[in-house]
Structures are given as C-alpha cells and as structure tokens.
Amino acid sequence: MTSYGERGHFFVGQWPTAMYVEYQHPDPRRPRHRTPLALFHGGCVSGALYWSTPDERKGWAHHFVERGWLVYVVDWPGHGRSGFPLDFHAMPYETVIEASRALLERIGPAALVTGSMSGPIGWKLAELVPDGVRAIISWAPGPPGNIQAVNERPGVDPGHAFVYTDAGYMQRRFAAGSLFPIEHVTQYQMLHVPESAKIMNQRRNRDGTAIHLADPAQVRAIPKLILTSENDPGHPRERDEATARFVGADFVYLPEAGMPGHSHEMMLDRNNEELAVYMLEWLANAGVD
C-alpha cells in the first residue's frame, strides 16, 4: 500500500463563494518536489475527477503525490464542497479567478494543471500573478477571448443554472475515446453538477464576454503545455493548436506522441498513469522541480 503524508483541506476566497481546496502531501520519507501542483477542474464537474476514475482506479492527484509532488485540488466556488451562492446562475468566471488567485497567494508559486473550461482561468492567472505560476499544463483548454469570435447567438438562459441532461451527448462529447472505461459511464455522468449560466456564456464568448488577456506577452513567458486528443469533438486539433500558438505553449497531439485513444476527460482514461508520467517529465524538462 502506498504511504502518504499529511492530508487536509481549507477554504480561500470570500463567503458565500469561498473555494474548497483539498491537499495531499507525499510520503515524508521520500524525496519531494519543491513546487506544488494546483489542479483545476473544468466546468460542470468538481475536483473529484482528479482523485479517482469512474472504475475506481487512482486519479492524477494520487499519481502525482506518489511521485513526490504536493497536490492541491480545488472545487470551484459553487461546485462540490465549495460555497454556493443563491445567485449561482449569475456567478462569473472572475469569482473563480479571484479565489484561485487567493490560493496561489497562500501556497506560493505553483505549477497549474487546468483543462477545458478552466483553461481561461489558467491563462488569466498567468497574466495577473506571473510570479505565482511556474508552469501550466492544460488538457483541451478553452482559449483566451482574444482569439474567439464574438458569439451573438442566444446563449444559456441567464436566469437559471445550466445542467447537462442528455446522457448520450455527454458520452459523445466527453467520453468518446477507446480508453474511456465506458462500462462505467453512468458513474462518470453522476460526476456532473450544475454550472453557472454566466460562466457558460462567457466561455462561449456570448456578446464578447469571454476572459480576455490584456497582456498576452506576460503569459507567453511562462512554460506551458497543451494536450489534445483525437477523440474530442469540442477541441479539434487546429483549435487547440491555435490556442497554443497564441499563449506560447508546447502543443502535443496525443496520437502523434504514441498515446492514441484518449477522451476529452483524459484523466479518467485507462492509461491515465502513463499520461501523468508524461506530464511530469515535461515539467522536469521545463525546469520545474
């Protein structure tokens, strides 16, 4: 059985949108890295997707801790075990970004693992607190609003929280890879939670409301890696490659790196450990320890 060090949790930010953060120290008897890893989930889920998989294998958080990294896993405000405001449907990205900034102020410079709808959170943190971000690894991330076309179509109803109700769509959109444990897809679907309508519309750049970068050059100075699967209809290669060019990230198309079959939620796929090791090797090559 793997031995771990201290485990605990705390809150950052302001009530009623305080953000729950769970941390796990590595085994104190073994070498450990100096830089903590801060893991940010995407929209409509919680930090639970980093702790374990639908078929009850270890998640990325455990694989990182076992290799000597101190890990912090967040639940965005209004998600999981975090504070839930009564006007959750109107909560903007900025609320999550400010709570995430408070986390970095508390734990010190960290490497960020982001993805999907938390992509814009990572890019903005790199601009706002560049000294607090050592590196960013992002799986299928949303781009900054700078390179998104303004979306003027009707968006998510701003008066109500958004909820995925079509199980078939969820499977096709997020669990389409051959490595996803599809026999446990019902457990994956249970992971989903309501999302702020405001954030959904910001992510889609409704009326130009996406998170923009005022100083992209600041972001480009920080080591970054973007990972993209061939089985992610919402993130075709050319889209994520354009994001990588804009933010100055290394871009890896997983099948070309010898890792085909991944889904959008690649941390839940059957060879998630192999991918975790790949990410940590990239951090080492980027000089992050």
Protein backbone atom coordinates (compact mmCIF):
# COMPACT_ATOMS: atom_id res chain seq x y z
CA MET A 1 0.00 0.00 0.00
CA THR A 2 1.26 3.46 -0.90
CA SER A 3 2.19 5.68 2.04
CA TYR A 4 1.22 9.35 2.00
CA GLY A 5 1.92 12.33 4.20
CA GLU A 6 -0.48 14.84 5.66
CA ARG A 7 -3.88 15.34 4.03
CA GLY A 8 -6.30 18.16 4.73
CA HIS A 9 -8.40 20.98 3.33
CA PHE A 10 -9.05 24.70 3.67
CA PHE A 11 -11.09 27.46 2.03
CA VAL A 12 -9.91 30.53 0.13
CA GLY A 13 -11.83 33.49 -1.22
CA GLN A 14 -14.87 35.15 0.26
CA TRP A 15 -18.12 33.76 1.63
CA PRO A 16 -20.55 32.79 0.10
CA THR A 17 -18.30 31.92 -2.83
CA ALA A 18 -15.38 30.51 -0.85
CA MET A 19 -13.42 27.82 -2.71
CA TYR A 20 -12.74 24.43 -1.14
CA VAL A 21 -9.17 23.18 -1.57
CA GLU A 22 -8.08 19.65 -0.67
CA TYR A 23 -4.39 18.90 -0.38
CA GLN A 24 -2.25 15.79 -0.11
CA HIS A 25 1.40 15.69 0.91
CA PRO A 26 3.70 12.99 -0.44
CA ASP A 27 5.40 10.41 1.75
CA PRO A 28 7.74 12.44 4.01
CA ARG A 29 10.29 9.61 3.96
CA ARG A 30 10.89 10.03 0.23
CA PRO A 31 12.28 12.87 -1.91
CA ARG A 32 9.72 15.53 -2.74
CA HIS A 33 9.49 18.33 -5.25
CA ARG A 34 9.59 21.94 -4.16
CA THR A 35 6.86 23.28 -6.45
CA PRO A 36 3.25 22.38 -5.57
CA LEU A 37 0.76 21.33 -8.21
CA ALA A 38 -2.63 23.09 -8.23
CA LEU A 39 -5.31 21.13 -10.11
CA PHE A 40 -8.33 22.95 -11.55
CA HIS A 41 -11.30 21.03 -12.93
CA GLY A 42 -13.37 22.13 -15.91
CA GLY A 43 -16.98 23.26 -15.98
CA CYS A 44 -19.98 21.22 -14.83
CA VAL A 45 -17.88 18.92 -12.60
CA SER A 46 -15.81 19.13 -9.40
CA GLY A 47 -12.31 18.30 -8.26
CA ALA A 48 -13.43 14.70 -7.72
CA LEU A 49 -12.39 13.84 -11.27
CA TYR A 50 -8.72 14.23 -10.26
CA TRP A 51 -8.89 11.85 -7.27
CA SER A 52 -10.27 8.71 -8.90
CA THR A 53 -11.78 7.34 -12.10
CA PRO A 54 -15.31 6.00 -12.76
CA ASP A 55 -13.97 2.45 -12.47
CA GLU A 56 -12.24 3.28 -9.16
CA ARG A 57 -8.62 3.49 -10.29
CA LYS A 58 -6.27 6.14 -8.94
CA GLY A 59 -6.66 9.59 -10.44
CA TRP A 60 -3.96 12.02 -11.46
CA ALA A 61 -3.78 13.56 -7.99
CA HIS A 62 -2.65 10.24 -6.50
CA HIS A 63 -0.17 9.57 -9.29
CA PHE A 64 1.40 12.99 -8.75
CA VAL A 65 1.60 12.58 -4.96
CA GLU A 66 3.18 9.14 -5.29
CA ARG A 67 5.95 10.74 -7.35
CA GLY A 68 6.77 13.31 -4.71
CA TRP A 69 4.52 16.26 -5.55
CA LEU A 70 2.43 18.22 -3.07
CA VAL A 71 -1.02 18.42 -4.69
CA TYR A 72 -3.87 20.89 -4.21
CA VAL A 73 -7.21 20.04 -5.84
CA VAL A 74 -9.92 22.71 -5.94
CA ASP A 75 -13.68 22.71 -6.23
CA TRP A 76 -14.64 25.93 -8.00
CA PRO A 77 -16.95 28.20 -5.98
CA GLY A 78 -20.48 26.86 -6.33
CA HIS A 79 -19.18 23.35 -7.10
CA GLY A 80 -18.60 20.26 -4.96
CA ARG A 81 -17.82 21.21 -1.38
CA SER A 82 -17.34 24.92 -2.01
CA GLY A 83 -19.65 27.75 -1.04
CA PHE A 84 -22.82 28.00 -3.11
CA PRO A 85 -24.29 31.49 -3.65
CA LEU A 86 -28.04 31.86 -4.08
CA ASP A 87 -27.42 33.70 -7.35
CA PHE A 88 -25.10 30.94 -8.62
CA HIS A 89 -26.55 31.21 -12.13
CA ALA A 90 -25.09 34.75 -12.34
CA MET A 91 -21.64 33.91 -10.89
CA PRO A 92 -18.92 34.99 -13.37
CA TYR A 93 -15.54 33.49 -14.21
CA GLU A 94 -13.97 36.35 -12.29
CA THR A 95 -15.22 34.87 -9.00
CA VAL A 96 -13.34 31.63 -9.66
CA ILE A 97 -10.26 33.51 -10.85
CA GLU A 98 -10.11 35.65 -7.72
CA ALA A 99 -10.47 32.60 -5.44
CA SER A 100 -7.75 30.85 -7.45
CA ARG A 101 -5.51 33.88 -7.09
CA ALA A 102 -6.06 33.70 -3.32
CA LEU A 103 -4.97 30.06 -3.42
CA LEU A 104 -1.69 30.95 -5.12
CA GLU A 105 -1.10 33.72 -2.61
CA ARG A 106 -1.49 31.16 0.16
CA ILE A 107 0.56 28.26 -1.21
CA GLY A 108 3.22 30.19 -3.14
CA PRO A 109 4.40 29.71 -6.73
CA ALA A 110 2.81 26.59 -8.22
CA ALA A 111 2.50 24.65 -11.45
CA LEU A 112 -1.09 24.61 -12.65
CA VAL A 113 -2.98 21.70 -14.19
CA THR A 114 -6.02 23.07 -15.99
CA GLY A 115 -8.27 21.94 -18.80
CA SER A 116 -11.44 22.55 -20.74
CA MET A 117 -13.34 25.43 -19.08
CA SER A 118 -10.54 26.06 -16.58
CA GLY A 119 -8.19 26.87 -19.45
CA PRO A 120 -9.15 30.57 -19.34
CA ILE A 121 -8.59 30.55 -15.57
CA GLY A 122 -5.00 29.43 -16.01
CA TRP A 123 -4.23 31.93 -18.77
CA LYS A 124 -5.63 34.79 -16.68
CA LEU A 125 -3.75 33.74 -13.54
CA ALA A 126 -0.53 33.71 -15.55
CA GLU A 127 -1.23 37.32 -16.50
CA LEU A 128 -2.43 38.51 -13.09
CA VAL A 129 0.15 36.77 -10.88
CA PRO A 130 3.03 35.72 -13.15
CA ASP A 131 5.33 35.22 -10.17
CA GLY A 132 2.81 32.74 -8.74
CA VAL A 133 2.66 30.50 -11.81
CA ARG A 134 5.71 28.33 -12.52
CA ALA A 135 4.15 26.43 -15.42
CA ILE A 136 0.79 25.42 -16.88
CA ILE A 137 -0.24 22.01 -18.21
CA SER A 138 -3.66 22.19 -19.85
CA TRP A 139 -5.73 19.43 -21.43
CA ALA A 140 -8.07 20.56 -24.21
CA PRO A 141 -8.24 24.10 -22.79
CA GLY A 142 -10.61 26.87 -23.64
CA PRO A 143 -8.74 29.73 -25.33
CA PRO A 144 -8.49 33.35 -24.20
CA GLY A 145 -11.28 35.51 -25.55
CA ASN A 146 -8.68 37.34 -27.64
CA ILE A 147 -8.87 34.62 -30.31
CA GLN A 148 -12.55 33.74 -30.02
CA ALA A 149 -15.11 35.11 -32.41
CA VAL A 150 -17.89 37.05 -30.71
CA ASN A 151 -20.89 34.75 -30.38
CA GLU A 152 -24.14 36.64 -30.85
CA ARG A 153 -26.47 33.63 -30.90
CA PRO A 154 -28.85 33.11 -27.96
CA GLY A 155 -26.88 31.58 -25.12
CA VAL A 156 -27.67 29.67 -21.97
CA ASP A 157 -30.70 31.10 -20.15
CA PRO A 158 -29.05 33.63 -17.81
CA GLY A 159 -31.79 33.23 -15.22
CA HIS A 160 -31.07 29.58 -14.42
CA ALA A 161 -28.06 27.34 -13.79
CA PHE A 162 -27.05 25.15 -16.72
CA VAL A 163 -27.34 21.35 -16.41
CA TYR A 164 -26.39 18.61 -18.85
CA THR A 165 -29.39 16.31 -19.23
CA ASP A 166 -28.56 14.37 -22.43
CA ALA A 167 -26.50 11.34 -21.35
CA GLY A 168 -25.81 10.36 -24.95
CA TYR A 169 -24.40 13.79 -25.74
CA MET A 170 -22.22 13.71 -22.63
CA GLN A 171 -20.79 10.38 -23.73
CA ARG A 172 -20.13 11.51 -27.31
CA ARG A 173 -18.66 14.83 -26.23
CA PHE A 174 -16.57 13.92 -23.21
CA ALA A 175 -16.02 10.13 -23.18
CA ALA A 176 -15.54 9.25 -26.84
CA GLY A 177 -12.07 7.70 -26.68
CA SER A 178 -11.45 3.97 -26.78
CA LEU A 179 -9.55 4.22 -23.48
CA PHE A 180 -12.51 5.59 -21.54
CA PRO A 181 -13.98 2.95 -19.16
CA ILE A 182 -17.31 3.10 -20.96
CA GLU A 183 -18.82 0.29 -18.91
CA HIS A 184 -18.76 2.76 -16.01
CA VAL A 185 -20.10 5.76 -17.91
CA THR A 186 -23.05 6.09 -15.52
CA GLN A 187 -20.61 6.80 -12.69
CA TYR A 188 -19.00 9.44 -14.87
CA GLN A 189 -22.34 11.06 -15.59
CA MET A 190 -23.04 11.27 -11.86
CA LEU A 191 -19.93 13.44 -11.52
CA HIS A 192 -21.65 16.29 -13.35
CA VAL A 193 -23.10 19.23 -11.42
CA PRO A 194 -24.97 22.41 -12.43
CA GLU A 195 -22.91 25.21 -13.92
CA SER A 196 -23.27 28.96 -13.76
CA ALA A 197 -25.11 30.25 -16.82
CA LYS A 198 -22.88 33.32 -16.74
CA ILE A 199 -19.71 31.23 -16.95
CA MET A 200 -21.15 29.04 -19.73
CA ASN A 201 -21.92 32.14 -21.77
CA GLN A 202 -18.52 33.68 -21.04
CA ARG A 203 -16.75 30.50 -22.14
CA ARG A 204 -18.67 30.61 -25.44
CA ASN A 205 -17.91 34.33 -25.80
CA ARG A 206 -21.55 35.34 -25.92
CA ASP A 207 -21.62 39.05 -26.77
CA GLY A 208 -17.85 39.24 -26.33
CA THR A 209 -17.85 38.36 -22.62
CA ALA A 210 -15.06 35.74 -22.66
CA ILE A 211 -11.99 36.17 -20.46
CA HIS A 212 -9.53 38.27 -22.43
CA LEU A 213 -5.84 38.85 -21.80
CA ALA A 214 -4.68 42.44 -21.59
CA ASP A 215 -1.01 41.40 -21.81
CA PRO A 216 -0.55 38.11 -23.73
CA ALA A 217 3.22 38.60 -23.66
CA GLN A 218 3.16 38.06 -19.90
CA VAL A 219 1.51 34.67 -20.39
CA ARG A 220 3.88 33.59 -23.15
CA ALA A 221 6.87 33.94 -20.82
CA ILE A 222 5.67 31.04 -18.63
CA PRO A 223 6.32 27.40 -19.68
CA LYS A 224 3.09 25.82 -20.91
CA LEU A 225 1.94 22.51 -22.38
CA ILE A 226 -1.35 21.81 -24.17
CA LEU A 227 -2.53 18.22 -24.66
CA THR A 228 -5.20 17.32 -27.21
CA SER A 229 -6.90 14.02 -28.04
CA GLU A 230 -8.13 12.90 -31.43
CA ASN A 231 -11.48 11.93 -29.86
CA ASP A 232 -12.62 15.32 -28.64
CA PRO A 233 -15.24 16.90 -30.94
CA GLY A 234 -15.20 20.15 -28.99
CA HIS A 235 -11.43 20.51 -29.34
CA PRO A 236 -10.25 19.67 -32.86
CA ARG A 237 -6.51 19.79 -33.31
CA GLU A 238 -6.49 23.07 -35.22
CA ARG A 239 -8.42 24.86 -32.48
CA ASP A 240 -6.16 23.82 -29.62
CA GLU A 241 -3.08 24.34 -31.79
CA ALA A 242 -4.22 27.94 -32.36
CA THR A 243 -4.57 28.39 -28.60
CA ALA A 244 -1.04 27.03 -28.14
CA ARG A 245 0.37 29.48 -30.68
CA PHE A 246 -1.36 32.42 -29.03
CA VAL A 247 -0.28 31.66 -25.46
CA GLY A 248 3.15 30.33 -26.47
CA ALA A 249 2.62 26.73 -25.33
CA ASP A 250 4.17 23.46 -26.41
CA PHE A 251 1.46 21.54 -28.26
CA VAL A 252 1.13 17.76 -28.13
CA TYR A 253 -1.39 15.87 -30.25
CA LEU A 254 -1.58 12.69 -28.20
CA PRO A 255 -1.78 10.08 -31.01
CA GLU A 256 1.40 11.54 -32.52
CA ALA A 257 3.08 11.15 -29.12
CA GLY A 258 2.20 7.43 -29.07
CA MET A 259 -0.87 7.85 -26.87
CA PRO A 260 -3.96 7.37 -29.05
CA GLY A 261 -7.45 6.62 -27.80
CA HIS A 262 -7.84 9.35 -25.17
CA SER A 263 -11.07 11.22 -24.47
CA HIS A 264 -11.75 14.82 -23.53
CA GLU A 265 -11.68 13.75 -19.87
CA MET A 266 -8.29 12.12 -20.41
CA MET A 267 -7.50 11.95 -16.68
CA LEU A 268 -10.22 9.26 -16.41
CA ASP A 269 -8.97 7.07 -19.26
CA ARG A 270 -7.46 3.64 -18.69
CA ASN A 271 -3.83 4.70 -19.13
CA ASN A 272 -4.13 7.89 -17.12
CA GLU A 273 -0.97 6.97 -15.21
CA GLU A 274 1.09 6.93 -18.42
CA LEU A 275 -0.20 10.38 -19.25
CA ALA A 276 0.51 11.62 -15.71
CA VAL A 277 4.13 10.48 -16.03
CA TYR A 278 4.40 12.20 -19.42
CA MET A 279 3.21 15.46 -17.89
CA LEU A 280 5.69 15.23 -15.03
CA GLU A 281 8.53 14.54 -17.44
CA TRP A 282 7.56 17.68 -19.34
CA LEU A 283 7.68 19.65 -16.08
CA ALA A 284 11.16 18.33 -15.37
CA ASN A 285 12.31 19.29 -18.87
CA ALA A 286 10.82 22.75 -18.31
CA GLY A 287 12.99 23.13 -15.22
CA VAL A 288 10.16 22.88 -12.70
CA ASP A 289 11.07 20.93 -9.56
